[in-house]
């Protein structure tokens, strides 16, 4: 997070920039979600107007008013940049809805794949919280992206968030119901939670899909000894 007020004018904006403009006595604060250079358009998130100029330390307390506004990049008069903060999956929900409404699936799914690939990179770097956010962006944009849901669940497992991982794998199974990976992984989460009977049932489900799945056989045998 970079937050330090810059001088007013017409600064070149970058994704994640927080800035405000003074209009009719009110201070309107925005966050740049995406920049469409071809159409000279900014896609921004808008916060509730303030009666005084915001300062960097107040940014975290600002209330979101509108999740997505497409505005002419030259339409902001004397913007003041407060700093730059990473854009979260939650903040992109409005922009993603806009993309699904205005673009062909092949166009916005390409962006979802970019989010997914960035999540893979962050996972390799052991930055699991950031990877979860990247995978969540892909899922929010393309809800049928079960591979991203699975990978998000694995990151949660790496963080010991077993219940949250189970919820993700169950969501994945709603999309891809014949998944040994998801069924087995739910069983592993139950095993970590010491819910052995539920773990046993999950490993049996995985073996019903693939009777030769060795990990399910091994884990099922282990659960039998615990029971």
Protein backbone atom coordinates (compact mmCIF):
# COMPACT_ATOMS: atom_id res chain seq x y z
CA UNK A 1 0.00 0.00 0.00
CA UNK A 2 1.33 3.42 -0.98
CA UNK A 3 -0.51 6.39 0.48
CA UNK A 4 0.98 9.86 0.32
CA UNK A 5 -0.89 12.84 -1.06
CA UNK A 6 0.43 14.19 -4.35
CA UNK A 7 0.04 17.66 -5.79
CA UNK A 8 -3.14 18.49 -7.76
CA UNK A 9 -3.28 18.67 -11.52
CA UNK A 10 -3.77 16.08 -14.24
CA UNK A 11 -1.57 13.20 -13.01
CA UNK A 12 -1.21 10.05 -15.05
CA UNK A 13 -3.35 7.48 -13.27
CA UNK A 14 -2.51 3.84 -12.66
CA UNK A 15 -4.68 0.98 -11.46
CA UNK A 16 -5.17 1.19 -7.70
CA UNK A 17 -4.76 4.97 -7.48
CA UNK A 18 -7.01 6.71 -4.95
CA UNK A 19 -7.84 10.30 -5.81
CA UNK A 20 -10.40 12.99 -5.09
CA UNK A 21 -11.90 16.05 -6.78
CA UNK A 22 -13.62 19.04 -5.21
CA UNK A 23 -16.99 19.67 -6.85
CA UNK A 24 -19.67 22.07 -5.56
CA UNK A 25 -18.16 22.12 -2.10
CA UNK A 26 -18.06 18.32 -1.74
CA UNK A 27 -15.01 16.06 -1.96
CA UNK A 28 -15.59 13.06 -4.22
CA UNK A 29 -13.11 10.21 -3.79
CA UNK A 30 -12.49 7.45 -6.33
CA UNK A 31 -10.32 4.37 -6.86
CA UNK A 32 -9.12 3.44 -10.33
CA UNK A 33 -10.11 -0.16 -11.10
CA UNK A 34 -9.10 -0.33 -14.75
CA UNK A 35 -8.00 2.00 -17.54
CA UNK A 36 -9.28 1.68 -21.11
CA UNK A 37 -6.72 3.69 -23.07
CA UNK A 38 -8.33 2.88 -26.43
CA UNK A 39 -11.53 4.65 -25.41
CA UNK A 40 -9.92 7.17 -23.02
CA UNK A 41 -12.04 5.76 -20.20
CA UNK A 42 -11.44 5.14 -16.51
CA UNK A 43 -13.38 2.49 -14.64
CA UNK A 44 -13.61 3.64 -11.05
CA UNK A 45 -15.12 2.79 -7.70
CA UNK A 46 -16.80 5.79 -6.02
CA UNK A 47 -16.95 6.51 -2.30
CA UNK A 48 -19.49 8.58 -0.39
CA UNK A 49 -18.76 12.34 -0.78
CA UNK A 50 -17.11 14.11 2.15
CA UNK A 51 -17.39 17.61 3.53
CA UNK A 52 -13.62 17.92 3.85
CA UNK A 53 -10.68 16.69 1.82
CA UNK A 54 -9.81 13.07 2.67
CA UNK A 55 -6.36 12.27 3.98
CA UNK A 56 -4.41 9.03 3.37
CA UNK A 57 -4.98 7.64 6.87
CA UNK A 58 -8.77 7.87 6.37
CA UNK A 59 -8.88 5.83 3.18
CA UNK A 60 -9.62 2.54 4.93
CA UNK A 61 -12.73 4.02 6.54
CA UNK A 62 -14.33 5.40 3.39
CA UNK A 63 -17.74 3.97 2.55
CA UNK A 64 -18.30 2.69 -0.99
CA UNK A 65 -21.16 4.44 -2.76
CA UNK A 66 -20.98 2.91 -6.26
CA UNK A 67 -18.93 -0.16 -7.17
CA UNK A 68 -18.42 0.78 -10.80
CA UNK A 69 -18.52 3.96 -12.88
CA UNK A 70 -17.10 4.33 -16.41
CA UNK A 71 -15.91 7.95 -16.76
CA UNK A 72 -14.00 9.89 -19.40
CA UNK A 73 -10.34 9.86 -18.40
CA UNK A 74 -10.23 13.62 -18.95
CA UNK A 75 -13.43 14.20 -17.02
CA UNK A 76 -11.88 14.74 -13.59
CA UNK A 77 -11.07 18.38 -12.84
CA UNK A 78 -7.87 18.87 -10.82
CA UNK A 79 -7.72 15.41 -9.26
CA UNK A 80 -5.55 14.98 -6.17
CA UNK A 81 -3.93 11.56 -5.88
CA UNK A 82 -3.82 10.23 -2.32
CA UNK A 83 -1.77 7.14 -3.13
CA UNK A 84 -2.09 3.63 -4.45
CA UNK A 85 -3.66 0.49 -2.97
CA UNK A 86 -4.05 -2.96 -4.52
CA UNK A 87 -7.51 -3.58 -5.95
CA UNK A 88 -9.28 -6.48 -4.22
CA UNK A 89 -11.69 -9.03 -5.66
CA UNK A 90 -14.47 -7.45 -3.58
CA UNK A 91 -13.83 -4.03 -5.10
CA UNK A 92 -13.97 -5.45 -8.64
CA UNK A 93 -17.44 -7.00 -8.38
CA UNK A 94 -19.15 -4.06 -10.10
CA UNK A 95 -16.57 -3.84 -12.86
CA UNK A 96 -16.80 -7.57 -13.49
CA UNK A 97 -20.59 -7.35 -13.78
CA UNK A 98 -20.09 -4.59 -16.35
CA UNK A 99 -17.68 -6.77 -18.36
CA UNK A 100 -20.11 -9.70 -18.39
CA UNK A 101 -22.87 -7.39 -19.65
CA UNK A 102 -20.84 -5.64 -22.35
CA UNK A 103 -18.30 -8.17 -23.61
CA UNK A 104 -18.32 -11.54 -25.32
CA UNK A 105 -17.48 -14.44 -22.98
CA UNK A 106 -14.25 -15.15 -24.87
CA UNK A 107 -13.04 -11.65 -23.98
CA UNK A 108 -13.77 -11.56 -20.27
CA UNK A 109 -12.81 -15.20 -19.70
CA UNK A 110 -9.35 -14.28 -21.02
CA UNK A 111 -9.08 -11.83 -18.12
CA UNK A 112 -10.30 -14.52 -15.72
CA UNK A 113 -7.46 -16.76 -16.94
CA UNK A 114 -5.01 -13.91 -16.35
CA UNK A 115 -6.24 -13.69 -12.74
CA UNK A 116 -5.84 -17.46 -12.44
CA UNK A 117 -2.28 -17.43 -13.78
CA UNK A 118 -1.37 -14.63 -11.38
CA UNK A 119 -2.81 -16.76 -8.60
CA UNK A 120 -0.54 -19.63 -9.68
CA UNK A 121 2.47 -17.32 -9.49
CA UNK A 122 1.51 -16.09 -6.02
CA UNK A 123 0.93 -19.67 -4.88
CA UNK A 124 4.42 -20.63 -6.04
CA UNK A 125 5.70 -17.66 -4.03
CA UNK A 126 3.85 -18.98 -0.95
CA UNK A 127 1.75 -15.79 -0.87
CA UNK A 128 -1.45 -17.67 -0.16
CA UNK A 129 -3.63 -14.77 1.00
CA UNK A 130 -2.83 -12.80 -2.14
CA UNK A 131 -3.34 -15.90 -4.27
CA UNK A 132 -6.79 -16.42 -2.73
CA UNK A 133 -7.71 -12.88 -3.80
CA UNK A 134 -6.41 -13.50 -7.34
CA UNK A 135 -8.36 -16.75 -7.70
CA UNK A 136 -11.44 -15.01 -6.26
CA UNK A 137 -11.19 -12.38 -9.01
CA UNK A 138 -11.25 -15.13 -11.63
CA UNK A 139 -14.25 -16.82 -10.00
CA UNK A 140 -16.15 -13.56 -9.60
CA UNK A 141 -15.67 -12.76 -13.28
CA UNK A 142 -16.38 -16.31 -14.47
CA UNK A 143 -18.38 -18.20 -11.80
CA UNK A 144 -18.00 -21.58 -13.57
CA UNK A 145 -14.21 -21.46 -13.19
CA UNK A 146 -13.98 -24.50 -10.90
CA UNK A 147 -10.21 -24.83 -11.37
CA UNK A 148 -9.79 -21.42 -9.73
CA UNK A 149 -12.16 -22.46 -6.94
CA UNK A 150 -10.11 -25.62 -6.34
CA UNK A 151 -6.84 -23.68 -6.25
CA UNK A 152 -8.33 -21.13 -3.88
CA UNK A 153 -9.36 -24.02 -1.63
CA UNK A 154 -5.82 -25.45 -1.69
CA UNK A 155 -4.47 -22.07 -0.57
CA UNK A 156 -6.95 -22.10 2.30
CA UNK A 157 -5.76 -25.58 3.22
CA UNK A 158 -2.18 -24.30 3.25
CA UNK A 159 -3.33 -21.66 5.73
CA UNK A 160 -5.13 -24.23 7.88
CA UNK A 161 -8.55 -22.84 6.94
CA UNK A 162 -10.15 -26.28 6.69
CA UNK A 163 -13.82 -25.29 6.93
CA UNK A 164 -13.43 -22.54 4.34
CA UNK A 165 -11.62 -24.96 2.03
CA UNK A 166 -14.46 -27.47 2.34
CA UNK A 167 -16.95 -24.77 1.31
CA UNK A 168 -14.89 -24.03 -1.79
CA UNK A 169 -14.57 -27.67 -2.80
CA UNK A 170 -18.33 -28.10 -2.35
CA UNK A 171 -18.87 -25.08 -4.60
CA UNK A 172 -16.52 -26.66 -7.14
CA UNK A 173 -18.50 -29.91 -7.04
CA UNK A 174 -21.70 -28.04 -7.91
CA UNK A 175 -20.02 -27.12 -11.19
CA UNK A 176 -17.95 -30.26 -11.76
CA UNK A 177 -19.74 -33.00 -9.80
CA UNK A 178 -17.49 -35.90 -10.86
CA UNK A 179 -14.25 -34.67 -9.32
CA UNK A 180 -12.02 -37.08 -7.45
CA UNK A 181 -9.79 -34.15 -6.53
CA UNK A 182 -12.55 -32.21 -4.77
CA UNK A 183 -14.10 -35.23 -3.03
CA UNK A 184 -10.71 -36.45 -1.79
CA UNK A 185 -9.66 -32.97 -0.65
CA UNK A 186 -12.85 -32.52 1.38
CA UNK A 187 -11.97 -35.82 3.04
CA UNK A 188 -8.47 -34.58 3.84
CA UNK A 189 -9.95 -31.44 5.41
CA UNK A 190 -12.28 -33.55 7.55
CA UNK A 191 -9.31 -35.68 8.56
CA UNK A 192 -7.40 -32.56 9.66
CA UNK A 193 -10.47 -31.54 11.67
CA UNK A 194 -10.53 -35.02 13.28
CA UNK A 195 -14.01 -35.63 11.86
CA UNK A 196 -13.07 -39.17 10.93
CA UNK A 197 -16.44 -40.62 9.92
CA UNK A 198 -17.05 -37.74 7.51
CA UNK A 199 -13.53 -38.16 6.16
CA UNK A 200 -14.17 -41.86 5.60
CA UNK A 201 -17.36 -41.09 3.66
CA UNK A 202 -15.48 -38.62 1.44
CA UNK A 203 -12.67 -41.02 0.58
CA UNK A 204 -15.32 -43.61 -0.30
CA UNK A 205 -16.99 -41.07 -2.60
CA UNK A 206 -13.66 -40.42 -4.30
CA UNK A 207 -13.10 -44.16 -4.81
CA UNK A 208 -16.60 -44.53 -6.22
CA UNK A 209 -15.53 -42.12 -8.96
CA UNK A 210 -12.07 -43.63 -9.44
CA UNK A 211 -11.52 -47.02 -7.76
CA UNK A 212 -7.79 -46.82 -8.54
CA UNK A 213 -7.15 -43.49 -6.83
CA UNK A 214 -4.22 -44.44 -4.59
CA UNK A 215 -4.32 -41.48 -2.23
CA UNK A 216 -7.98 -42.17 -1.44
CA UNK A 217 -7.10 -45.81 -0.72
CA UNK A 218 -4.22 -44.80 1.56
CA UNK A 219 -6.18 -42.16 3.44
CA UNK A 220 -9.19 -44.45 3.81
CA UNK A 221 -6.99 -47.13 5.33
CA UNK A 222 -5.53 -44.54 7.72
CA UNK A 223 -9.02 -43.41 8.78
CA UNK A 224 -9.99 -47.02 9.45
CA UNK A 225 -7.14 -47.31 11.94
CA UNK A 226 -8.25 -44.09 13.64
CA UNK A 227 -11.83 -45.33 13.91
